[in-house]
Amino acid sequence: MYSLSDRKLKVPLQEPDIWLVDFSLLDEGDIDHSLLDIHEVHRLGRMKRPADRIAFASMRAAVKTLAKQYLGQEARLGDMQFCRHGKPFFPQTPQLHFNLSHSHGRGVIAFSSAGPVGVDIEPVARFQSLSSSFWRTVLAPSELYEASSSCDYAQSLVQWADIWVQKEAVLKMLGLGLAVPMKSFEVTEGHIIIAVPEAWQNSQINQNYLSACGVQSFAWDDYRWALCFSPDSASPKLRGALRGNFNLRKDGAILAN
């Protein structure tokens, strides 16, 4: 068992800190709901499926618990707020950038003080049922060719998953949601390339800045996850992943699987 209080976390963070969260074995009673603000409690109450409630509450609790470790227990985070397209932030602590994503019992959280970050995670199996017509709306032509050229179906699924999570991470870092079409840019060897410049004209994103950002994808068992980070950040480092997969429980401890 590793206690969060034993970890030496502080800002500034010149490279993103990444935490992998496994909540697949949690029950609703394991999560400390006192960490949720009134808006989150109301949203939680509207969720019908237990799995959705566990995912929502555990990820929000994890973000707030970790943010307190970086900023100090006395820090006042305030209610989590969201930009126009859903990017989260704590209004009272703008020095700490963060982003989170979860899917099917797994989650990833990134923190940085050097600049914005974006993350996404998905199980590879999710992409088995998606049609080629769907991918033509998501992938730039070169990406579609690359992902379709493999004779190994399993490898193609991994490639599709990698492209998807990387593109999602890019849009989440920029706070654009789906305001910019996914097929309007490519992710290639850690770089972002604008494929359809006119699609970005109203985004207010400097294309030189975008091309200098980094994006990476990683494997976690049968999942793929990705991180996009600003040019001011150094290479990211894994926190939770260094000691295995972790569950965040109500007692504030991290349990290694």
C-alpha atoms as a PDB file:
ATOM      1  CA  MET A   1       0.000   0.000   0.000  1.00  0.00           C
ATOM      2  CA  TYR A   2       1.323   3.426  -0.941  1.00  0.00           C
ATOM      3  CA  SER A   3      -0.097   6.501   0.754  1.00  0.00           C
ATOM      4  CA  LEU A   4      -0.435   9.692  -1.248  1.00  0.00           C
ATOM      5  CA  SER A   5       0.905  11.576   1.764  1.00  0.00           C
ATOM      6  CA  ASP A   6       4.215   9.734   1.322  1.00  0.00           C
ATOM      7  CA  ARG A   7       4.743  11.112  -2.171  1.00  0.00           C
ATOM      8  CA  LYS A   8       6.769  14.247  -2.786  1.00  0.00           C
ATOM      9  CA  LEU A   9       4.610  16.243  -5.171  1.00  0.00           C
ATOM     10  CA  LYS A  10       4.965  19.937  -5.789  1.00  0.00           C
ATOM     11  CA  VAL A  11       4.756  22.599  -8.458  1.00  0.00           C
ATOM     12  CA  PRO A  12       6.233  23.867 -10.680  1.00  0.00           C
ATOM     13  CA  LEU A  13       6.177  20.827 -12.949  1.00  0.00           C
ATOM     14  CA  GLN A  14       8.325  21.321 -16.022  1.00  0.00           C
ATOM     15  CA  GLU A  15       7.192  17.991 -17.420  1.00  0.00           C
ATOM     16  CA  PRO A  16       3.650  16.590 -17.209  1.00  0.00           C
ATOM     17  CA  ASP A  17       2.976  14.140 -14.394  1.00  0.00           C
ATOM     18  CA  ILE A  18       0.774  11.265 -15.500  1.00  0.00           C
ATOM     19  CA  TRP A  19      -1.357   9.138 -13.190  1.00  0.00           C
ATOM     20  CA  LEU A  20      -3.051   5.938 -14.304  1.00  0.00           C
ATOM     21  CA  VAL A  21      -6.155   5.097 -12.273  1.00  0.00           C
ATOM     22  CA  ASP A  22      -7.784   1.664 -12.200  1.00  0.00           C
ATOM     23  CA  PHE A  23     -11.261   1.852 -10.692  1.00  0.00           C
ATOM     24  CA  SER A  24     -12.605  -1.314 -12.304  1.00  0.00           C
ATOM     25  CA  LEU A  25     -12.840  -3.165  -8.969  1.00  0.00           C
ATOM     26  CA  LEU A  26     -14.288  -0.318  -6.911  1.00  0.00           C
ATOM     27  CA  ASP A  27     -17.706  -0.319  -5.303  1.00  0.00           C
ATOM     28  CA  GLU A  28     -19.637   2.906  -4.865  1.00  0.00           C
ATOM     29  CA  GLY A  29     -18.953   2.799  -1.129  1.00  0.00           C
ATOM     30  CA  ASP A  30     -15.185   2.887  -1.728  1.00  0.00           C
ATOM     31  CA  ILE A  31     -15.217   6.468  -3.006  1.00  0.00           C
ATOM     32  CA  ASP A  32     -15.097   9.556  -0.798  1.00  0.00           C
ATOM     33  CA  HIS A  33     -18.073  11.578  -2.036  1.00  0.00           C
ATOM     34  CA  SER A  34     -17.189  14.437   0.329  1.00  0.00           C
ATOM     35  CA  LEU A  35     -14.631  15.501  -2.277  1.00  0.00           C
ATOM     36  CA  LEU A  36     -17.423  16.308  -4.752  1.00  0.00           C
ATOM     37  CA  ASP A  37     -18.913  19.793  -4.970  1.00  0.00           C
ATOM     38  CA  ILE A  38     -22.659  20.391  -4.993  1.00  0.00           C
ATOM     39  CA  HIS A  39     -22.876  20.455  -8.792  1.00  0.00           C
ATOM     40  CA  GLU A  40     -21.025  17.144  -9.034  1.00  0.00           C
ATOM     41  CA  VAL A  41     -23.294  15.578  -6.414  1.00  0.00           C
ATOM     42  CA  HIS A  42     -26.369  16.641  -8.411  1.00  0.00           C
ATOM     43  CA  ARG A  43     -24.867  15.303 -11.627  1.00  0.00           C
ATOM     44  CA  LEU A  44     -23.991  12.042  -9.896  1.00  0.00           C
ATOM     45  CA  GLY A  45     -27.591  11.704  -8.727  1.00  0.00           C
ATOM     46  CA  ARG A  46     -28.849  11.886 -12.310  1.00  0.00           C
ATOM     47  CA  MET A  47     -26.706   8.975 -13.452  1.00  0.00           C
ATOM     48  CA  LYS A  48     -28.602   5.702 -13.779  1.00  0.00           C
ATOM     49  CA  ARG A  49     -25.810   3.155 -14.228  1.00  0.00           C
ATOM     50  CA  PRO A  50     -23.598   2.268 -11.213  1.00  0.00           C
ATOM     51  CA  ALA A  51     -20.564   2.003 -13.518  1.00  0.00           C
ATOM     52  CA  ASP A  52     -21.057   5.603 -14.661  1.00  0.00           C
ATOM     53  CA  ARG A  53     -21.394   6.831 -11.073  1.00  0.00           C
ATOM     54  CA  ILE A  54     -18.230   5.000 -10.014  1.00  0.00           C
ATOM     55  CA  ALA A  55     -16.249   6.340 -12.983  1.00  0.00           C
ATOM     56  CA  PHE A  56     -17.414   9.920 -12.481  1.00  0.00           C
ATOM     57  CA  ALA A  57     -16.945  10.035  -8.709  1.00  0.00           C
ATOM     58  CA  SER A  58     -13.631   8.186  -8.615  1.00  0.00           C
ATOM     59  CA  MET A  59     -12.013  10.319 -11.301  1.00  0.00           C
ATOM     60  CA  ARG A  60     -13.194  13.594  -9.754  1.00  0.00           C
ATOM     61  CA  ALA A  61     -12.009  12.406  -6.334  1.00  0.00           C
ATOM     62  CA  ALA A  62      -8.643  11.381  -7.787  1.00  0.00           C
ATOM     63  CA  VAL A  63      -8.104  14.742  -9.517  1.00  0.00           C
ATOM     64  CA  LYS A  64      -8.908  16.724  -6.382  1.00  0.00           C
ATOM     65  CA  THR A  65      -6.860  14.481  -4.086  1.00  0.00           C
ATOM     66  CA  LEU A  66      -3.818  14.747  -6.343  1.00  0.00           C
ATOM     67  CA  ALA A  67      -4.231  18.489  -6.924  1.00  0.00           C
ATOM     68  CA  LYS A  68      -4.137  18.993  -3.161  1.00  0.00           C
ATOM     69  CA  GLN A  69      -0.901  17.035  -3.026  1.00  0.00           C
ATOM     70  CA  TYR A  70       0.693  19.356  -5.575  1.00  0.00           C
ATOM     71  CA  LEU A  71      -0.649  22.619  -4.187  1.00  0.00           C
ATOM     72  CA  GLY A  72      -0.822  21.820  -0.464  1.00  0.00           C
ATOM     73  CA  GLN A  73      -3.725  20.631   1.631  1.00  0.00           C
ATOM     74  CA  GLU A  74      -4.597  24.232   2.510  1.00  0.00           C
ATOM     75  CA  ALA A  75      -5.096  25.147  -1.165  1.00  0.00           C
ATOM     76  CA  ARG A  76      -8.607  26.254  -2.110  1.00  0.00           C
ATOM     77  CA  LEU A  77      -9.374  24.617  -5.438  1.00  0.00           C
ATOM     78  CA  GLY A  78     -12.904  25.948  -5.822  1.00  0.00           C
ATOM     79  CA  ASP A  79     -15.493  24.120  -7.886  1.00  0.00           C
ATOM     80  CA  MET A  80     -14.173  22.526 -11.061  1.00  0.00           C
ATOM     81  CA  GLN A  81     -15.131  24.737 -14.012  1.00  0.00           C
ATOM     82  CA  PHE A  82     -15.218  24.053 -17.740  1.00  0.00           C
ATOM     83  CA  CYS A  83     -14.311  26.030 -20.828  1.00  0.00           C
ATOM     84  CA  ARG A  84     -16.741  26.374 -23.716  1.00  0.00           C
ATOM     85  CA  HIS A  85     -15.904  22.960 -25.173  1.00  0.00           C
ATOM     86  CA  GLY A  86     -15.590  21.109 -21.878  1.00  0.00           C
ATOM     87  CA  LYS A  87     -11.954  21.509 -20.833  1.00  0.00           C
ATOM     88  CA  PRO A  88     -11.766  21.430 -16.991  1.00  0.00           C
ATOM     89  CA  PHE A  89      -9.895  23.853 -14.747  1.00  0.00           C
ATOM     90  CA  PHE A  90      -9.818  25.081 -11.158  1.00  0.00           C
ATOM     91  CA  PRO A  91     -10.417  28.855 -11.308  1.00  0.00           C
ATOM     92  CA  GLN A  92      -8.536  29.581  -8.091  1.00  0.00           C
ATOM     93  CA  THR A  93      -5.385  27.672  -9.066  1.00  0.00           C
ATOM     94  CA  PRO A  94      -4.571  28.600 -12.687  1.00  0.00           C
ATOM     95  CA  GLN A  95      -0.918  27.637 -12.149  1.00  0.00           C
ATOM     96  CA  LEU A  96      -1.833  23.944 -12.252  1.00  0.00           C
ATOM     97  CA  HIS A  97      -3.027  22.646 -15.616  1.00  0.00           C
ATOM     98  CA  PHE A  98      -4.715  19.257 -15.705  1.00  0.00           C
ATOM     99  CA  ASN A  99      -6.811  16.977 -17.863  1.00  0.00           C
ATOM    100  CA  LEU A 100      -8.527  13.634 -17.344  1.00  0.00           C
ATOM    101  CA  SER A 101     -10.123  10.835 -19.303  1.00  0.00           C
ATOM    102  CA  HIS A 102     -11.715   7.510 -18.421  1.00  0.00           C
ATOM    103  CA  SER A 103     -13.215   4.540 -20.211  1.00  0.00           C
ATOM    104  CA  HIS A 104     -14.407   1.103 -19.106  1.00  0.00           C
ATOM    105  CA  GLY A 105     -12.836   1.033 -15.644  1.00  0.00           C
ATOM    106  CA  ARG A 106      -9.548   2.771 -16.431  1.00  0.00           C
ATOM    107  CA  GLY A 107      -8.572   6.423 -16.279  1.00  0.00           C
ATOM    108  CA  VAL A 108      -5.635   8.728 -16.907  1.00  0.00           C
ATOM    109  CA  ILE A 109      -4.925  12.121 -15.326  1.00  0.00           C
ATOM    110  CA  ALA A 110      -2.222  14.601 -16.348  1.00  0.00           C
ATOM    111  CA  PHE A 111      -0.905  17.595 -14.386  1.00  0.00           C
ATOM    112  CA  SER A 112       1.492  20.310 -15.532  1.00  0.00           C
ATOM    113  CA  SER A 113       2.442  23.844 -14.622  1.00  0.00           C
ATOM    114  CA  ALA A 114       4.447  24.443 -17.807  1.00  0.00           C
ATOM    115  CA  GLY A 115       1.400  24.614 -20.056  1.00  0.00           C
ATOM    116  CA  PRO A 116      -1.867  22.926 -21.011  1.00  0.00           C
ATOM    117  CA  VAL A 117      -2.175  19.156 -21.332  1.00  0.00           C
ATOM    118  CA  GLY A 118      -4.723  16.802 -22.852  1.00  0.00           C
ATOM    119  CA  VAL A 119      -5.269  13.065 -22.375  1.00  0.00           C
ATOM    120  CA  ASP A 120      -7.501  10.316 -23.694  1.00  0.00           C
ATOM    121  CA  ILE A 121      -7.863   6.581 -23.032  1.00  0.00           C
ATOM    122  CA  GLU A 122      -9.840   3.818 -24.731  1.00  0.00           C
ATOM    123  CA  PRO A 123      -9.871   0.000 -24.786  1.00  0.00           C
ATOM    124  CA  VAL A 124      -8.675  -1.304 -28.140  1.00  0.00           C
ATOM    125  CA  ALA A 125     -11.749  -3.555 -28.340  1.00  0.00           C
ATOM    126  CA  ARG A 126     -13.953  -0.488 -28.676  1.00  0.00           C
ATOM    127  CA  PHE A 127     -12.750  -0.005 -32.248  1.00  0.00           C
ATOM    128  CA  GLN A 128     -13.751  -3.452 -33.512  1.00  0.00           C
ATOM    129  CA  SER A 129     -17.278  -2.416 -34.464  1.00  0.00           C
ATOM    130  CA  LEU A 130     -16.495   0.904 -36.156  1.00  0.00           C
ATOM    131  CA  SER A 131     -17.024   0.969 -39.914  1.00  0.00           C
ATOM    132  CA  SER A 132     -14.713   2.265 -42.620  1.00  0.00           C
ATOM    133  CA  SER A 133     -17.201   5.051 -43.349  1.00  0.00           C
ATOM    134  CA  PHE A 134     -16.780   6.239 -39.766  1.00  0.00           C
ATOM    135  CA  TRP A 135     -12.995   6.292 -40.067  1.00  0.00           C
ATOM    136  CA  ARG A 136     -13.217   8.351 -43.263  1.00  0.00           C
ATOM    137  CA  THR A 137     -14.793  11.117 -41.158  1.00  0.00           C
ATOM    138  CA  VAL A 138     -12.010  10.936 -38.550  1.00  0.00           C
ATOM    139  CA  LEU A 139      -8.735  10.176 -40.298  1.00  0.00           C
ATOM    140  CA  ALA A 140      -6.767  12.296 -42.709  1.00  0.00           C
ATOM    141  CA  PRO A 141      -6.068  10.445 -46.006  1.00  0.00           C
ATOM    142  CA  SER A 142      -2.494   9.503 -45.059  1.00  0.00           C
ATOM    143  CA  GLU A 143      -3.656   8.146 -41.684  1.00  0.00           C
ATOM    144  CA  LEU A 144      -6.455   6.160 -43.296  1.00  0.00           C
ATOM    145  CA  TYR A 145      -3.988   4.594 -45.712  1.00  0.00           C
ATOM    146  CA  GLU A 146      -1.502   3.747 -42.952  1.00  0.00           C
ATOM    147  CA  ALA A 147      -4.095   2.204 -40.639  1.00  0.00           C
ATOM    148  CA  SER A 148      -5.676   0.200 -43.467  1.00  0.00           C
ATOM    149  CA  SER A 149      -2.458  -1.059 -45.065  1.00  0.00           C
ATOM    150  CA  SER A 150      -1.659  -3.668 -42.427  1.00  0.00           C
ATOM    151  CA  CYS A 151      -2.648  -7.267 -43.172  1.00  0.00           C
ATOM    152  CA  ASP A 152      -2.796  -7.929 -39.447  1.00  0.00           C
ATOM    153  CA  TYR A 153      -6.294  -7.009 -38.228  1.00  0.00           C
ATOM    154  CA  ALA A 154      -5.233  -6.877 -34.577  1.00  0.00           C
ATOM    155  CA  GLN A 155      -2.382  -4.515 -35.436  1.00  0.00           C
ATOM    156  CA  SER A 156      -4.756  -2.323 -37.450  1.00  0.00           C
ATOM    157  CA  LEU A 157      -7.036  -2.028 -34.422  1.00  0.00           C
ATOM    158  CA  VAL A 158      -4.117  -0.843 -32.311  1.00  0.00           C
ATOM    159  CA  GLN A 159      -3.153   1.699 -34.981  1.00  0.00           C
ATOM    160  CA  TRP A 160      -6.723   3.018 -35.178  1.00  0.00           C
ATOM    161  CA  ALA A 161      -6.900   3.228 -31.389  1.00  0.00           C
ATOM    162  CA  ASP A 162      -3.558   5.063 -31.251  1.00  0.00           C
ATOM    163  CA  ILE A 163      -4.644   7.638 -33.817  1.00  0.00           C
ATOM    164  CA  TRP A 164      -7.992   8.164 -32.101  1.00  0.00           C
ATOM    165  CA  VAL A 165      -6.634   8.718 -28.578  1.00  0.00           C
ATOM    166  CA  GLN A 166      -3.872  10.994 -29.858  1.00  0.00           C
ATOM    167  CA  LYS A 167      -6.323  13.158 -31.792  1.00  0.00           C
ATOM    168  CA  GLU A 168      -8.674  13.322 -28.825  1.00  0.00           C
ATOM    169  CA  ALA A 169      -5.758  14.335 -26.584  1.00  0.00           C
ATOM    170  CA  VAL A 170      -4.805  17.125 -29.018  1.00  0.00           C
ATOM    171  CA  LEU A 171      -8.322  18.564 -29.102  1.00  0.00           C
ATOM    172  CA  LYS A 172      -8.645  18.282 -25.320  1.00  0.00           C
ATOM    173  CA  MET A 173      -5.342  20.069 -24.728  1.00  0.00           C
ATOM    174  CA  LEU A 174      -6.454  22.899 -27.015  1.00  0.00           C
ATOM    175  CA  GLY A 175      -9.906  23.012 -25.431  1.00  0.00           C
ATOM    176  CA  LEU A 176     -11.579  22.759 -28.838  1.00  0.00           C
ATOM    177  CA  GLY A 177     -13.785  19.715 -28.364  1.00  0.00           C
ATOM    178  CA  LEU A 178     -15.139  18.838 -31.803  1.00  0.00           C
ATOM    179  CA  ALA A 179     -15.099  22.440 -33.047  1.00  0.00           C
ATOM    180  CA  VAL A 180     -12.311  21.369 -35.421  1.00  0.00           C
ATOM    181  CA  PRO A 181     -12.849  18.202 -37.509  1.00  0.00           C
ATOM    182  CA  MET A 182     -10.572  15.326 -36.574  1.00  0.00           C
ATOM    183  CA  LYS A 183      -9.632  14.674 -40.203  1.00  0.00           C
ATOM    184  CA  SER A 184      -8.325  18.250 -40.535  1.00  0.00           C
ATOM    185  CA  PHE A 185      -5.041  17.312 -38.840  1.00  0.00           C
ATOM    186  CA  GLU A 186      -2.644  14.374 -38.639  1.00  0.00           C
ATOM    187  CA  VAL A 187      -0.643  12.928 -35.778  1.00  0.00           C
ATOM    188  CA  THR A 188       2.647  11.531 -37.041  1.00  0.00           C
ATOM    189  CA  GLU A 189       5.641  10.374 -34.988  1.00  0.00           C
ATOM    190  CA  GLY A 190       4.804  12.640 -32.083  1.00  0.00           C
ATOM    191  CA  HIS A 191       3.989  15.693 -34.202  1.00  0.00           C
ATOM    192  CA  ILE A 192       0.754  17.447 -35.189  1.00  0.00           C
ATOM    193  CA  ILE A 193       0.370  18.390 -38.847  1.00  0.00           C
ATOM    194  CA  ILE A 194      -2.437  20.568 -40.186  1.00  0.00           C
ATOM    195  CA  ALA A 195      -3.986  18.774 -43.174  1.00  0.00           C
ATOM    196  CA  VAL A 196      -6.870  21.193 -43.884  1.00  0.00           C
ATOM    197  CA  PRO A 197      -5.751  24.738 -42.926  1.00  0.00           C
ATOM    198  CA  GLU A 198      -9.121  26.368 -43.671  1.00  0.00           C
ATOM    199  CA  ALA A 199     -10.758  24.207 -40.985  1.00  0.00           C
ATOM    200  CA  TRP A 200      -8.581  25.970 -38.389  1.00  0.00           C
ATOM    201  CA  GLN A 201      -9.173  29.554 -39.460  1.00  0.00           C
ATOM    202  CA  ASN A 202     -11.706  30.292 -36.722  1.00  0.00           C
ATOM    203  CA  SER A 203      -9.971  28.306 -33.992  1.00  0.00           C
ATOM    204  CA  GLN A 204      -7.641  31.128 -32.844  1.00  0.00           C
ATOM    205  CA  ILE A 205      -4.884  28.514 -32.583  1.00  0.00           C
ATOM    206  CA  ASN A 206      -1.439  29.537 -33.804  1.00  0.00           C
ATOM    207  CA  GLN A 207      -0.345  26.825 -36.216  1.00  0.00           C
ATOM    208  CA  ASN A 208       3.337  27.262 -35.340  1.00  0.00           C
ATOM    209  CA  TYR A 209       2.437  26.665 -31.695  1.00  0.00           C
ATOM    210  CA  LEU A 210       0.436  23.587 -32.629  1.00  0.00           C
ATOM    211  CA  SER A 211       3.236  22.080 -34.701  1.00  0.00           C
ATOM    212  CA  ALA A 212       5.605  22.528 -31.747  1.00  0.00           C
ATOM    213  CA  CYS A 213       3.332  20.601 -29.339  1.00  0.00           C
ATOM    214  CA  GLY A 214       4.066  16.966 -28.581  1.00  0.00           C
ATOM    215  CA  VAL A 215       1.715  13.990 -28.644  1.00  0.00           C
ATOM    216  CA  GLN A 216       2.463  10.428 -27.565  1.00  0.00           C
ATOM    217  CA  SER A 217       0.476   7.219 -27.247  1.00  0.00           C
ATOM    218  CA  PHE A 218       1.065   4.377 -24.801  1.00  0.00           C
ATOM    219  CA  ALA A 219      -0.156   0.857 -24.076  1.00  0.00           C
ATOM    220  CA  TRP A 220      -1.751  -0.167 -20.787  1.00  0.00           C
ATOM    221  CA  ASP A 221      -2.774  -3.807 -21.024  1.00  0.00           C
ATOM    222  CA  ASP A 222      -5.534  -3.882 -23.692  1.00  0.00           C
ATOM    223  CA  TYR A 223      -5.997  -0.116 -23.588  1.00  0.00           C
ATOM    224  CA  ARG A 224      -4.309   2.701 -25.454  1.00  0.00           C
ATOM    225  CA  TRP A 225      -3.933   6.159 -23.979  1.00  0.00           C
ATOM    226  CA  ALA A 226      -2.352   9.360 -25.201  1.00  0.00           C
ATOM    227  CA  LEU A 227      -0.954  12.636 -23.911  1.00  0.00           C
ATOM    228  CA  CYS A 228      -0.647  15.952 -25.740  1.00  0.00           C
ATOM    229  CA  PHE A 229       1.537  18.620 -24.133  1.00  0.00           C
ATOM    230  CA  SER A 230       2.632  22.172 -24.865  1.00  0.00           C
ATOM    231  CA  PRO A 231       6.024  23.174 -26.342  1.00  0.00           C
ATOM    232  CA  ASP A 232       7.080  24.524 -22.932  1.00  0.00           C
ATOM    233  CA  SER A 233       6.873  21.062 -21.333  1.00  0.00           C
ATOM    234  CA  ALA A 234       9.698  18.577 -21.109  1.00  0.00           C
ATOM    235  CA  SER A 235       9.107  14.873 -21.722  1.00  0.00           C
ATOM    236  CA  PRO A 236       6.273  13.466 -19.587  1.00  0.00           C
ATOM    237  CA  LYS A 237       6.835  11.002 -16.778  1.00  0.00           C
ATOM    238  CA  LEU A 238       4.547   8.364 -15.396  1.00  0.00           C
ATOM    239  CA  ARG A 239       3.615   8.515 -11.732  1.00  0.00           C
ATOM    240  CA  GLY A 240       1.099   5.807 -10.954  1.00  0.00           C
ATOM    241  CA  ALA A 241       2.323   3.528 -13.718  1.00  0.00           C
ATOM    242  CA  LEU A 242       5.764   3.246 -12.133  1.00  0.00           C
ATOM    243  CA  ARG A 243       4.320   1.088  -9.358  1.00  0.00           C
ATOM    244  CA  GLY A 244       1.608  -0.754 -11.251  1.00  0.00           C
ATOM    245  CA  ASN A 245      -2.083  -0.067 -11.663  1.00  0.00           C
ATOM    246  CA  PHE A 246      -3.791   1.702  -8.819  1.00  0.00           C
ATOM    247  CA  ASN A 247      -7.185   2.012  -7.211  1.00  0.00           C
ATOM    248  CA  LEU A 248      -8.148   5.165  -5.355  1.00  0.00           C
ATOM    249  CA  ARG A 249     -10.153   4.180  -2.272  1.00  0.00           C
ATOM    250  CA  LYS A 250     -12.100   6.081   0.325  1.00  0.00           C
ATOM    251  CA  ASP A 251      -9.342   5.819   2.934  1.00  0.00           C
ATOM    252  CA  GLY A 252      -7.097   7.988   0.751  1.00  0.00           C
ATOM    253  CA  ALA A 253      -4.680   5.166   0.019  1.00  0.00           C
ATOM    254  CA  ILE A 254      -3.437   3.874  -3.296  1.00  0.00           C
ATOM    255  CA  LEU A 255      -3.636   0.103  -3.549  1.00  0.00           C
ATOM    256  CA  ALA A 256      -1.341  -1.705  -5.970  1.00  0.00           C
ATOM    257  CA  ASN A 257      -2.919  -4.542  -7.949  1.00  0.00           C
END
